[in-house]
Amino acid sequence: MLTKQELCTGALKDWAGFCADNGLSRTQAYYLQVIGRGPRTVRVGDKMLVSPEAERDWRREMEDRPIIGSLQKLAEQARKTAAPSPTAA
């Protein structure tokens, strides 16, 4: 749970800062979110923010369970799986 102090002191990173600090492009980070392997985030207005705790946990997760293969292909498969199937008329 984020504290009021974290929200007020700037301890949270915006999405661009998270990507830069972790060597990710925004596209790669988006694909990670789509496949459910991105960091926990909090939305404040139209900003997506990452706490230091969430970033630390995400790094450990990536070390423990690295992703093998193309992020783009994995994201496309995840979107297809999540898409509602058309109903028969």
PDB file of N, CA and C in Angstrom:
ATOM      1  N   MET A   1       0.847  -1.174   0.000  1.00  0.00           N
ATOM      2  CA  MET A   1       0.000   0.000   0.000  1.00  0.00           C
ATOM      3  C   MET A   1       0.888   1.230   0.000  1.00  0.00           C
ATOM      4  N   LEU A   2       0.605   2.166  -0.873  1.00  0.00           N
ATOM      5  CA  LEU A   2       1.379   3.396  -0.927  1.00  0.00           C
ATOM      6  C   LEU A   2       0.975   4.318   0.199  1.00  0.00           C
ATOM      7  N   THR A   3       1.969   4.930   0.801  1.00  0.00           N
ATOM      8  CA  THR A   3       1.680   5.872   1.877  1.00  0.00           C
ATOM      9  C   THR A   3       1.461   7.258   1.293  1.00  0.00           C
ATOM     10  N   LYS A   4       0.837   8.104   2.085  1.00  0.00           N
ATOM     11  CA  LYS A   4       0.627   9.493   1.664  1.00  0.00           C
ATOM     12  C   LYS A   4       1.978  10.166   1.431  1.00  0.00           C
ATOM     13  N   GLN A   5       2.958   9.811   2.249  1.00  0.00           N
ATOM     14  CA  GLN A   5       4.289  10.393   2.110  1.00  0.00           C
ATOM     15  C   GLN A   5       4.906  10.018   0.756  1.00  0.00           C
ATOM     16  N   GLU A   6       4.749   8.758   0.330  1.00  0.00           N
ATOM     17  CA  GLU A   6       5.287   8.352  -0.969  1.00  0.00           C
ATOM     18  C   GLU A   6       4.640   9.145  -2.097  1.00  0.00           C
ATOM     19  N   LEU A   7       3.332   9.345  -1.990  1.00  0.00           N
ATOM     20  CA  LEU A   7       2.642  10.099  -3.020  1.00  0.00           C
ATOM     21  C   LEU A   7       3.088  11.551  -3.049  1.00  0.00           C
ATOM     22  N   CYS A   8       3.388  12.109  -1.896  1.00  0.00           N
ATOM     23  CA  CYS A   8       3.718  13.537  -1.792  1.00  0.00           C
ATOM     24  C   CYS A   8       5.198  13.838  -1.989  1.00  0.00           C
ATOM     25  N   THR A   9       6.081  12.899  -1.700  1.00  0.00           N
ATOM     26  CA  THR A   9       7.510  13.193  -1.743  1.00  0.00           C
ATOM     27  C   THR A   9       8.147  12.897  -3.090  1.00  0.00           C
ATOM     28  N   GLY A  10       7.419  12.356  -4.009  1.00  0.00           N
ATOM     29  CA  GLY A  10       8.006  12.044  -5.303  1.00  0.00           C
ATOM     30  C   GLY A  10       8.785  10.746  -5.304  1.00  0.00           C
ATOM     31  N   ALA A  11       8.555   9.883  -4.306  1.00  0.00           N
ATOM     32  CA  ALA A  11       9.249   8.601  -4.261  1.00  0.00           C
ATOM     33  C   ALA A  11       8.802   7.699  -5.411  1.00  0.00           C
ATOM     34  N   LEU A  12       7.666   7.994  -5.987  1.00  0.00           N
ATOM     35  CA  LEU A  12       7.156   7.203  -7.095  1.00  0.00           C
ATOM     36  C   LEU A  12       7.794   7.649  -8.402  1.00  0.00           C
ATOM     37  N   LYS A  13       8.019   6.694  -9.295  1.00  0.00           N
ATOM     38  CA  LYS A  13       8.565   7.019 -10.616  1.00  0.00           C
ATOM     39  C   LYS A  13       7.435   7.040 -11.621  1.00  0.00           C
ATOM     40  N   ASP A  14       7.524   7.968 -12.557  1.00  0.00           N
ATOM     41  CA  ASP A  14       6.567   7.917 -13.648  1.00  0.00           C
ATOM     42  C   ASP A  14       7.016   6.807 -14.602  1.00  0.00           C
ATOM     43  N   TRP A  15       6.161   6.492 -15.544  1.00  0.00           N
ATOM     44  CA  TRP A  15       6.410   5.355 -16.432  1.00  0.00           C
ATOM     45  C   TRP A  15       7.695   5.551 -17.236  1.00  0.00           C
ATOM     46  N   ALA A  16       7.928   6.769 -17.738  1.00  0.00           N
ATOM     47  CA  ALA A  16       9.138   7.041 -18.520  1.00  0.00           C
ATOM     48  C   ALA A  16      10.386   6.861 -17.660  1.00  0.00           C
ATOM     49  N   GLY A  17      10.330   7.302 -16.399  1.00  0.00           N
ATOM     50  CA  GLY A  17      11.468   7.139 -15.503  1.00  0.00           C
ATOM     51  C   GLY A  17      11.739   5.679 -15.190  1.00  0.00           C
ATOM     52  N   PHE A  18      10.683   4.914 -14.987  1.00  0.00           N
ATOM     53  CA  PHE A  18      10.835   3.481 -14.737  1.00  0.00           C
ATOM     54  C   PHE A  18      11.502   2.815 -15.936  1.00  0.00           C
ATOM     55  N   CYS A  19      11.025   3.139 -17.126  1.00  0.00           N
ATOM     56  CA  CYS A  19      11.589   2.539 -18.341  1.00  0.00           C
ATOM     57  C   CYS A  19      13.067   2.899 -18.482  1.00  0.00           C
ATOM     58  N   ALA A  20      13.397   4.174 -18.316  1.00  0.00           N
ATOM     59  CA  ALA A  20      14.783   4.626 -18.455  1.00  0.00           C
ATOM     60  C   ALA A  20      15.696   3.951 -17.437  1.00  0.00           C
ATOM     61  N   ASP A  21      15.251   3.874 -16.191  1.00  0.00           N
ATOM     62  CA  ASP A  21      16.076   3.284 -15.137  1.00  0.00           C
ATOM     63  C   ASP A  21      16.285   1.788 -15.307  1.00  0.00           C
ATOM     64  N   ASN A  22      15.408   1.134 -16.068  1.00  0.00           N
ATOM     65  CA  ASN A  22      15.501  -0.318 -16.234  1.00  0.00           C
ATOM     66  C   ASN A  22      15.871  -0.740 -17.648  1.00  0.00           C
ATOM     67  N   GLY A  23      16.273   0.224 -18.469  1.00  0.00           N
ATOM     68  CA  GLY A  23      16.751  -0.093 -19.814  1.00  0.00           C
ATOM     69  C   GLY A  23      15.679  -0.634 -20.743  1.00  0.00           C
ATOM     70  N   LEU A  24      14.444  -0.202 -20.530  1.00  0.00           N
ATOM     71  CA  LEU A  24      13.336  -0.664 -21.356  1.00  0.00           C
ATOM     72  C   LEU A  24      12.828   0.458 -22.248  1.00  0.00           C
ATOM     73  N   SER A  25      12.395   0.095 -23.434  1.00  0.00           N
ATOM     74  CA  SER A  25      11.653   1.062 -24.230  1.00  0.00           C
ATOM     75  C   SER A  25      10.223   1.078 -23.697  1.00  0.00           C
ATOM     76  N   ARG A  26       9.493   2.116 -24.027  1.00  0.00           N
ATOM     77  CA  ARG A  26       8.091   2.165 -23.588  1.00  0.00           C
ATOM     78  C   ARG A  26       7.296   1.023 -24.206  1.00  0.00           C
ATOM     79  N   THR A  27       7.654   0.646 -25.431  1.00  0.00           N
ATOM     80  CA  THR A  27       6.976  -0.468 -26.093  1.00  0.00           C
ATOM     81  C   THR A  27       7.226  -1.773 -25.350  1.00  0.00           C
ATOM     82  N   GLN A  28       8.468  -2.018 -24.974  1.00  0.00           N
ATOM     83  CA  GLN A  28       8.781  -3.238 -24.220  1.00  0.00           C
ATOM     84  C   GLN A  28       8.018  -3.269 -22.899  1.00  0.00           C
ATOM     85  N   ALA A  29       7.975  -2.137 -22.219  1.00  0.00           N
ATOM     86  CA  ALA A  29       7.264  -2.064 -20.947  1.00  0.00           C
ATOM     87  C   ALA A  29       5.773  -2.315 -21.152  1.00  0.00           C
ATOM     88  N   TYR A  30       5.217  -1.787 -22.241  1.00  0.00           N
ATOM     89  CA  TYR A  30       3.804  -2.021 -22.555  1.00  0.00           C
ATOM     90  C   TYR A  30       3.564  -3.517 -22.768  1.00  0.00           C
ATOM     91  N   TYR A  31       4.420  -4.148 -23.536  1.00  0.00           N
ATOM     92  CA  TYR A  31       4.264  -5.586 -23.772  1.00  0.00           C
ATOM     93  C   TYR A  31       4.332  -6.365 -22.458  1.00  0.00           C
ATOM     94  N   LEU A  32       5.240  -5.970 -21.555  1.00  0.00           N
ATOM     95  CA  LEU A  32       5.316  -6.636 -20.257  1.00  0.00           C
ATOM     96  C   LEU A  32       4.004  -6.497 -19.498  1.00  0.00           C
ATOM     97  N   GLN A  33       3.385  -5.313 -19.542  1.00  0.00           N
ATOM     98  CA  GLN A  33       2.103  -5.106 -18.873  1.00  0.00           C
ATOM     99  C   GLN A  33       1.029  -6.000 -19.494  1.00  0.00           C
ATOM    100  N   VAL A  34       1.015  -6.094 -20.823  1.00  0.00           N
ATOM    101  CA  VAL A  34      -0.001  -6.888 -21.523  1.00  0.00           C
ATOM    102  C   VAL A  34       0.081  -8.356 -21.120  1.00  0.00           C
ATOM    103  N   ILE A  35       1.288  -8.884 -20.970  1.00  0.00           N
ATOM    104  CA  ILE A  35       1.420 -10.305 -20.631  1.00  0.00           C
ATOM    105  C   ILE A  35       1.399 -10.540 -19.120  1.00  0.00           C
ATOM    106  N   GLY A  36       1.155  -9.478 -18.360  1.00  0.00           N
ATOM    107  CA  GLY A  36       1.043  -9.630 -16.916  1.00  0.00           C
ATOM    108  C   GLY A  36       2.358  -9.731 -16.187  1.00  0.00           C
ATOM    109  N   ARG A  37       3.440  -9.261 -16.800  1.00  0.00           N
ATOM    110  CA  ARG A  37       4.762  -9.355 -16.177  1.00  0.00           C
ATOM    111  C   ARG A  37       5.371  -7.986 -15.882  1.00  0.00           C
ATOM    112  N   GLY A  38       4.575  -6.939 -15.982  1.00  0.00           N
ATOM    113  CA  GLY A  38       5.058  -5.604 -15.651  1.00  0.00           C
ATOM    114  C   GLY A  38       4.996  -5.369 -14.156  1.00  0.00           C
ATOM    115  N   PRO A  39       5.539  -4.246 -13.700  1.00  0.00           N
ATOM    116  CA  PRO A  39       5.500  -3.942 -12.276  1.00  0.00           C
ATOM    117  C   PRO A  39       4.101  -3.537 -11.830  1.00  0.00           C
ATOM    118  N   ARG A  40       3.834  -3.647 -10.532  1.00  0.00           N
ATOM    119  CA  ARG A  40       2.595  -3.103  -9.990  1.00  0.00           C
ATOM    120  C   ARG A  40       2.632  -1.595 -10.183  1.00  0.00           C
ATOM    121  N   THR A  41       1.517  -1.037 -10.528  1.00  0.00           N
ATOM    122  CA  THR A  41       1.455   0.403 -10.758  1.00  0.00           C
ATOM    123  C   THR A  41       0.270   0.997 -10.019  1.00  0.00           C
ATOM    124  N   VAL A  42       0.334   2.306  -9.875  1.00  0.00           N
ATOM    125  CA  VAL A  42      -0.787   3.047  -9.327  1.00  0.00           C
ATOM    126  C   VAL A  42      -1.070   4.171 -10.316  1.00  0.00           C
ATOM    127  N   ARG A  43      -2.340   4.419 -10.555  1.00  0.00           N
ATOM    128  CA  ARG A  43      -2.716   5.516 -11.441  1.00  0.00           C
ATOM    129  C   ARG A  43      -3.130   6.707 -10.599  1.00  0.00           C
ATOM    130  N   VAL A  44      -2.550   7.852 -10.940  1.00  0.00           N
ATOM    131  CA  VAL A  44      -2.926   9.114 -10.320  1.00  0.00           C
ATOM    132  C   VAL A  44      -3.257  10.036 -11.478  1.00  0.00           C
ATOM    133  N   GLY A  45      -4.543  10.306 -11.650  1.00  0.00           N
ATOM    134  CA  GLY A  45      -4.973  11.059 -12.825  1.00  0.00           C
ATOM    135  C   GLY A  45      -4.676  10.243 -14.063  1.00  0.00           C
ATOM    136  N   ASP A  46      -3.949  10.840 -14.992  1.00  0.00           N
ATOM    137  CA  ASP A  46      -3.614  10.114 -16.218  1.00  0.00           C
ATOM    138  C   ASP A  46      -2.187   9.557 -16.177  1.00  0.00           C
ATOM    139  N   LYS A  47      -1.550   9.611 -15.020  1.00  0.00           N
ATOM    140  CA  LYS A  47      -0.183   9.103 -14.887  1.00  0.00           C
ATOM    141  C   LYS A  47      -0.175   7.700 -14.289  1.00  0.00           C
ATOM    142  N   MET A  48       0.716   6.864 -14.820  1.00  0.00           N
ATOM    143  CA  MET A  48       0.940   5.543 -14.268  1.00  0.00           C
ATOM    144  C   MET A  48       2.270   5.609 -13.518  1.00  0.00           C
ATOM    145  N   LEU A  49       2.252   5.296 -12.220  1.00  0.00           N
ATOM    146  CA  LEU A  49       3.425   5.437 -11.371  1.00  0.00           C
ATOM    147  C   LEU A  49       3.837   4.099 -10.776  1.00  0.00           C
ATOM    148  N   VAL A  50       5.138   3.984 -10.492  1.00  0.00           N
ATOM    149  CA  VAL A  50       5.699   2.755  -9.930  1.00  0.00           C
ATOM    150  C   VAL A  50       6.421   3.117  -8.637  1.00  0.00           C
ATOM    151  N   SER A  51       6.091   2.422  -7.555  1.00  0.00           N
ATOM    152  CA  SER A  51       6.751   2.667  -6.274  1.00  0.00           C
ATOM    153  C   SER A  51       8.112   1.958  -6.260  1.00  0.00           C
ATOM    154  N   PRO A  52       9.029   2.416  -5.413  1.00  0.00           N
ATOM    155  CA  PRO A  52      10.316   1.727  -5.291  1.00  0.00           C
ATOM    156  C   PRO A  52      10.149   0.256  -4.895  1.00  0.00           C
ATOM    157  N   GLU A  53       9.185  -0.015  -4.039  1.00  0.00           N
ATOM    158  CA  GLU A  53       8.919  -1.392  -3.609  1.00  0.00           C
ATOM    159  C   GLU A  53       8.461  -2.253  -4.790  1.00  0.00           C
ATOM    160  N   ALA A  54       7.553  -1.718  -5.612  1.00  0.00           N
ATOM    161  CA  ALA A  54       7.056  -2.460  -6.774  1.00  0.00           C
ATOM    162  C   ALA A  54       8.174  -2.692  -7.786  1.00  0.00           C
ATOM    163  N   GLU A  55       9.040  -1.694  -7.955  1.00  0.00           N
ATOM    164  CA  GLU A  55      10.159  -1.841  -8.883  1.00  0.00           C
ATOM    165  C   GLU A  55      11.120  -2.919  -8.397  1.00  0.00           C
ATOM    166  N   ARG A  56      11.414  -2.932  -7.095  1.00  0.00           N
ATOM    167  CA  ARG A  56      12.292  -3.951  -6.521  1.00  0.00           C
ATOM    168  C   ARG A  56      11.704  -5.354  -6.709  1.00  0.00           C
ATOM    169  N   ASP A  57      10.410  -5.491  -6.414  1.00  0.00           N
ATOM    170  CA  ASP A  57       9.745  -6.789  -6.567  1.00  0.00           C
ATOM    171  C   ASP A  57       9.757  -7.232  -8.027  1.00  0.00           C
ATOM    172  N   TRP A  58       9.537  -6.289  -8.934  1.00  0.00           N
ATOM    173  CA  TRP A  58       9.526  -6.611 -10.370  1.00  0.00           C
ATOM    174  C   TRP A  58      10.898  -7.106 -10.811  1.00  0.00           C
ATOM    175  N   ARG A  59      11.960  -6.442 -10.350  1.00  0.00           N
ATOM    176  CA  ARG A  59      13.314  -6.868 -10.725  1.00  0.00           C
ATOM    177  C   ARG A  59      13.600  -8.280 -10.231  1.00  0.00           C
ATOM    178  N   ARG A  60      13.199  -8.569  -9.001  1.00  0.00           N
ATOM    179  CA  ARG A  60      13.395  -9.933  -8.473  1.00  0.00           C
ATOM    180  C   ARG A  60      12.628 -10.948  -9.303  1.00  0.00           C
ATOM    181  N   GLU A  61      11.406 -10.604  -9.647  1.00  0.00           N
ATOM    182  CA  GLU A  61      10.577 -11.499 -10.468  1.00  0.00           C
ATOM    183  C   GLU A  61      11.250 -11.772 -11.816  1.00  0.00           C
ATOM    184  N   MET A  62      11.792 -10.731 -12.429  1.00  0.00           N
ATOM    185  CA  MET A  62      12.433 -10.898 -13.730  1.00  0.00           C
ATOM    186  C   MET A  62      13.709 -11.735 -13.611  1.00  0.00           C
ATOM    187  N   GLU A  63      14.417 -11.610 -12.496  1.00  0.00           N
ATOM    188  CA  GLU A  63      15.601 -12.437 -12.280  1.00  0.00           C
ATOM    189  C   GLU A  63      15.217 -13.893 -12.050  1.00  0.00           C
ATOM    190  N   ASP A  64      14.156 -14.107 -11.282  1.00  0.00           N
ATOM    191  CA  ASP A  64      13.725 -15.469 -10.953  1.00  0.00           C
ATOM    192  C   ASP A  64      13.054 -16.173 -12.126  1.00  0.00           C
ATOM    193  N   ARG A  65      12.308 -15.406 -12.919  1.00  0.00           N
ATOM    194  CA  ARG A  65      11.557 -15.983 -14.045  1.00  0.00           C
ATOM    195  C   ARG A  65      11.777 -15.151 -15.306  1.00  0.00           C
ATOM    196  N   PRO A  66      12.952 -15.291 -15.942  1.00  0.00           N
ATOM    197  CA  PRO A  66      13.218 -14.489 -17.142  1.00  0.00           C
ATOM    198  C   PRO A  66      12.262 -14.855 -18.271  1.00  0.00           C
ATOM    199  N   ILE A  67      12.055 -13.921 -19.145  1.00  0.00           N
ATOM    200  CA  ILE A  67      11.171 -14.139 -20.295  1.00  0.00           C
ATOM    201  C   ILE A  67      12.011 -14.628 -21.462  1.00  0.00           C
ATOM    202  N   ILE A  68      11.596 -15.727 -22.029  1.00  0.00           N
ATOM    203  CA  ILE A  68      12.271 -16.292 -23.186  1.00  0.00           C
ATOM    204  C   ILE A  68      11.373 -16.058 -24.396  1.00  0.00           C
ATOM    205  N   GLY A  69      11.935 -15.489 -25.446  1.00  0.00           N
ATOM    206  CA  GLY A  69      11.148 -15.268 -26.655  1.00  0.00           C
ATOM    207  C   GLY A  69      10.811 -13.803 -26.858  1.00  0.00           C
ATOM    208  N   SER A  70      10.060 -13.554 -27.895  1.00  0.00           N
ATOM    209  CA  SER A  70       9.698 -12.202 -28.298  1.00  0.00           C
ATOM    210  C   SER A  70       8.575 -11.643 -27.431  1.00  0.00           C
ATOM    211  N   LEU A  71       8.820 -10.490 -26.824  1.00  0.00           N
ATOM    212  CA  LEU A  71       7.771  -9.832 -26.037  1.00  0.00           C
ATOM    213  C   LEU A  71       6.576  -9.497 -26.908  1.00  0.00           C
ATOM    214  N   GLN A  72       6.846  -9.054 -28.134  1.00  0.00           N
ATOM    215  CA  GLN A  72       5.751  -8.677 -29.036  1.00  0.00           C
ATOM    216  C   GLN A  72       4.855  -9.880 -29.320  1.00  0.00           C
ATOM    217  N   LYS A  73       5.444 -11.018 -29.620  1.00  0.00           N
ATOM    218  CA  LYS A  73       4.643 -12.218 -29.905  1.00  0.00           C
ATOM    219  C   LYS A  73       3.867 -12.669 -28.675  1.00  0.00           C
ATOM    220  N   LEU A  74       4.501 -12.618 -27.514  1.00  0.00           N
ATOM    221  CA  LEU A  74       3.805 -12.990 -26.278  1.00  0.00           C
ATOM    222  C   LEU A  74       2.630 -12.056 -26.009  1.00  0.00           C
ATOM    223  N   ALA A  75       2.822 -10.749 -26.255  1.00  0.00           N
ATOM    224  CA  ALA A  75       1.748  -9.778 -26.044  1.00  0.00           C
ATOM    225  C   ALA A  75       0.601 -10.010 -27.026  1.00  0.00           C
ATOM    226  N   GLU A  76       0.928 -10.311 -28.277  1.00  0.00           N
ATOM    227  CA  GLU A  76      -0.118 -10.588 -29.270  1.00  0.00           C
ATOM    228  C   GLU A  76      -0.933 -11.812 -28.865  1.00  0.00           C
ATOM    229  N   GLN A  77      -0.256 -12.845 -28.375  1.00  0.00           N
ATOM    230  CA  GLN A  77      -0.964 -14.053 -27.926  1.00  0.00           C
ATOM    231  C   GLN A  77      -1.854 -13.735 -26.729  1.00  0.00           C
ATOM    232  N   ALA A  78      -1.355 -12.929 -25.807  1.00  0.00           N
ATOM    233  CA  ALA A  78      -2.145 -12.566 -24.623  1.00  0.00           C
ATOM    234  C   ALA A  78      -3.379 -11.768 -25.013  1.00  0.00           C
ATOM    235  N   ARG A  79      -3.235 -10.860 -25.961  1.00  0.00           N
ATOM    236  CA  ARG A  79      -4.389 -10.061 -26.401  1.00  0.00           C
ATOM    237  C   ARG A  79      -5.430 -10.948 -27.079  1.00  0.00           C
ATOM    238  N   LYS A  80      -4.979 -11.903 -27.876  1.00  0.00           N
ATOM    239  CA  LYS A  80      -5.926 -12.800 -28.551  1.00  0.00           C
ATOM    240  C   LYS A  80      -6.686 -13.648 -27.536  1.00  0.00           C
ATOM    241  N   THR A  81      -5.979 -14.103 -26.513  1.00  0.00           N
ATOM    242  CA  THR A  81      -6.593 -14.927 -25.475  1.00  0.00           C
ATOM    243  C   THR A  81      -7.602 -14.126 -24.670  1.00  0.00           C
ATOM    244  N   ALA A  82      -7.290 -12.850 -24.429  1.00  0.00           N
ATOM    245  CA  ALA A  82      -8.162 -11.996 -23.615  1.00  0.00           C
ATOM    246  C   ALA A  82      -9.341 -11.424 -24.389  1.00  0.00           C
ATOM    247  N   ALA A  83      -9.246 -11.405 -25.720  1.00  0.00           N
ATOM    248  CA  ALA A  83     -10.304 -10.824 -26.538  1.00  0.00           C
ATOM    249  C   ALA A  83     -11.566 -11.676 -26.451  1.00  0.00           C
ATOM    250  N   PRO A  84     -12.724 -11.030 -26.320  1.00  0.00           N
ATOM    251  CA  PRO A  84     -13.971 -11.800 -26.288  1.00  0.00           C
ATOM    252  C   PRO A  84     -14.227 -12.454 -27.640  1.00  0.00           C
ATOM    253  N   SER A  85     -14.710 -13.653 -27.604  1.00  0.00           N
ATOM    254  CA  SER A  85     -15.000 -14.339 -28.864  1.00  0.00           C
ATOM    255  C   SER A  85     -16.307 -13.829 -29.448  1.00  0.00           C
ATOM    256  N   PRO A  86     -16.360 -13.724 -30.772  1.00  0.00           N
ATOM    257  CA  PRO A  86     -17.611 -13.244 -31.392  1.00  0.00           C
ATOM    258  C   PRO A  86     -18.729 -14.269 -31.174  1.00  0.00           C
ATOM    259  N   THR A  87     -19.927 -13.782 -30.996  1.00  0.00           N
ATOM    260  CA  THR A  87     -21.060 -14.688 -30.797  1.00  0.00           C
ATOM    261  C   THR A  87     -21.626 -15.092 -32.146  1.00  0.00           C
ATOM    262  N   ALA A  88     -22.088 -16.282 -32.212  1.00  0.00           N
ATOM    263  CA  ALA A  88     -22.691 -16.781 -33.463  1.00  0.00           C
ATOM    264  C   ALA A  88     -24.077 -16.198 -33.625  1.00  0.00           C
ATOM    265  N   ALA A  89     -24.358 -15.783 -34.834  1.00  0.00           N
ATOM    266  CA  ALA A  89     -25.675 -15.181 -35.101  1.00  0.00           C
ATOM    267  C   ALA A  89     -26.644 -16.197 -35.619  1.00  0.00           C
TER     268      ALA A  89
END
